[in-house]
Amino acid sequence: MPIVSSRIAEDSRQIDGRRWVREQHTDHVGVVHEIVYMAEVGQTMDPVASAARIEAQLTEAEIAANEAEVLGGEL
């Protein structure tokens, strides 16, 4: 399930210099996968790396679901 678009939907600076970040990653069927985190001072946001992690997780979940279906729920 490829991610076709990624964006920083929110980047709110906090009084102590950290930032609340909300990333939105849309897959090929239009499902939006959201990641929310507190970025430390000086931390670089990397939505491309986040998209790669989401793609890997979606692939693993799809493979596991297919295996469960083929094996009748027995792994």
Protein backbone atom coordinates (compact mmCIF):
# COMPACT_ATOMS: atom_id res chain seq x y z
CA MET A 1 0.00 0.00 0.00
CA PRO A 2 2.01 2.96 -1.19
CA ILE A 3 1.83 6.37 0.41
CA VAL A 4 1.04 8.86 -2.34
CA SER A 5 1.21 12.11 -0.39
CA SER A 6 2.56 13.39 2.91
CA ARG A 7 2.18 16.73 4.61
CA ILE A 8 2.82 18.50 7.89
CA ALA A 9 -0.73 19.38 8.95
CA GLU A 10 0.33 21.14 12.16
CA ASP A 11 3.59 22.46 13.59
CA SER A 12 2.81 24.32 16.82
CA ARG A 13 5.75 25.78 18.72
CA GLN A 14 5.51 25.43 22.50
CA ILE A 15 6.79 27.92 25.05
CA ASP A 16 9.78 25.69 25.86
CA GLY A 17 10.84 25.44 22.18
CA ARG A 18 9.46 21.98 21.51
CA ARG A 19 6.77 21.58 18.84
CA TRP A 20 3.58 19.57 18.51
CA VAL A 21 3.68 18.05 15.05
CA ARG A 22 0.85 16.37 13.17
CA GLU A 23 1.77 14.58 9.96
CA GLN A 24 -0.82 13.25 7.51
CA HIS A 25 0.09 10.52 5.03
CA THR A 26 -2.44 9.44 2.38
CA ASP A 27 -2.27 5.97 0.85
CA HIS A 28 -3.25 4.94 -2.68
CA VAL A 29 -6.92 4.37 -1.77
CA GLY A 30 -7.30 7.72 0.02
CA VAL A 31 -6.96 6.56 3.63
CA VAL A 32 -5.19 9.19 5.75
CA HIS A 33 -2.71 7.85 8.32
CA GLU A 34 -1.91 10.44 10.97
CA ILE A 35 1.13 10.66 13.22
CA VAL A 36 1.17 13.10 16.15
CA TYR A 37 4.27 13.70 18.24
CA MET A 38 6.16 16.25 20.33
CA ALA A 39 9.37 17.25 18.52
CA GLU A 40 12.30 18.11 20.73
CA VAL A 41 14.13 21.42 20.33
CA GLY A 42 16.21 21.20 17.15
CA GLN A 43 14.65 17.91 16.02
CA THR A 44 14.23 17.76 12.26
CA MET A 45 10.84 16.61 11.00
CA ASP A 46 11.17 13.90 8.37
CA PRO A 47 7.78 13.02 6.84
CA VAL A 48 9.52 10.92 4.16
CA ALA A 49 10.95 8.60 6.83
CA SER A 50 7.54 8.46 8.53
CA ALA A 51 5.90 7.53 5.21
CA ALA A 52 8.42 4.72 4.71
CA ARG A 53 7.65 3.35 8.20
CA ILE A 54 3.90 3.49 7.54
CA GLU A 55 4.33 1.70 4.20
CA ALA A 56 6.35 -1.05 5.90
CA GLN A 57 3.72 -1.45 8.64
CA LEU A 58 0.89 -1.60 6.10
CA THR A 59 2.78 -4.19 4.03
CA GLU A 60 3.43 -6.36 7.10
CA ALA A 61 -0.24 -6.14 8.14
CA GLU A 62 -1.41 -7.06 4.64
CA ILE A 63 0.94 -10.06 4.48
CA ALA A 64 -0.19 -11.24 7.92
CA ALA A 65 -3.85 -10.92 6.92
CA ASN A 66 -3.23 -12.87 3.71
CA GLU A 67 -1.37 -15.61 5.58
CA ALA A 68 -4.16 -15.87 8.14
CA GLU A 69 -6.74 -16.17 5.37
CA VAL A 70 -4.78 -18.86 3.52
CA LEU A 71 -4.04 -20.83 6.69
CA GLY A 72 -7.55 -20.47 8.07
CA GLY A 73 -6.45 -18.35 11.00
CA GLU A 74 -3.69 -20.77 12.06
CA LEU A 75 -0.17 -19.37 12.01
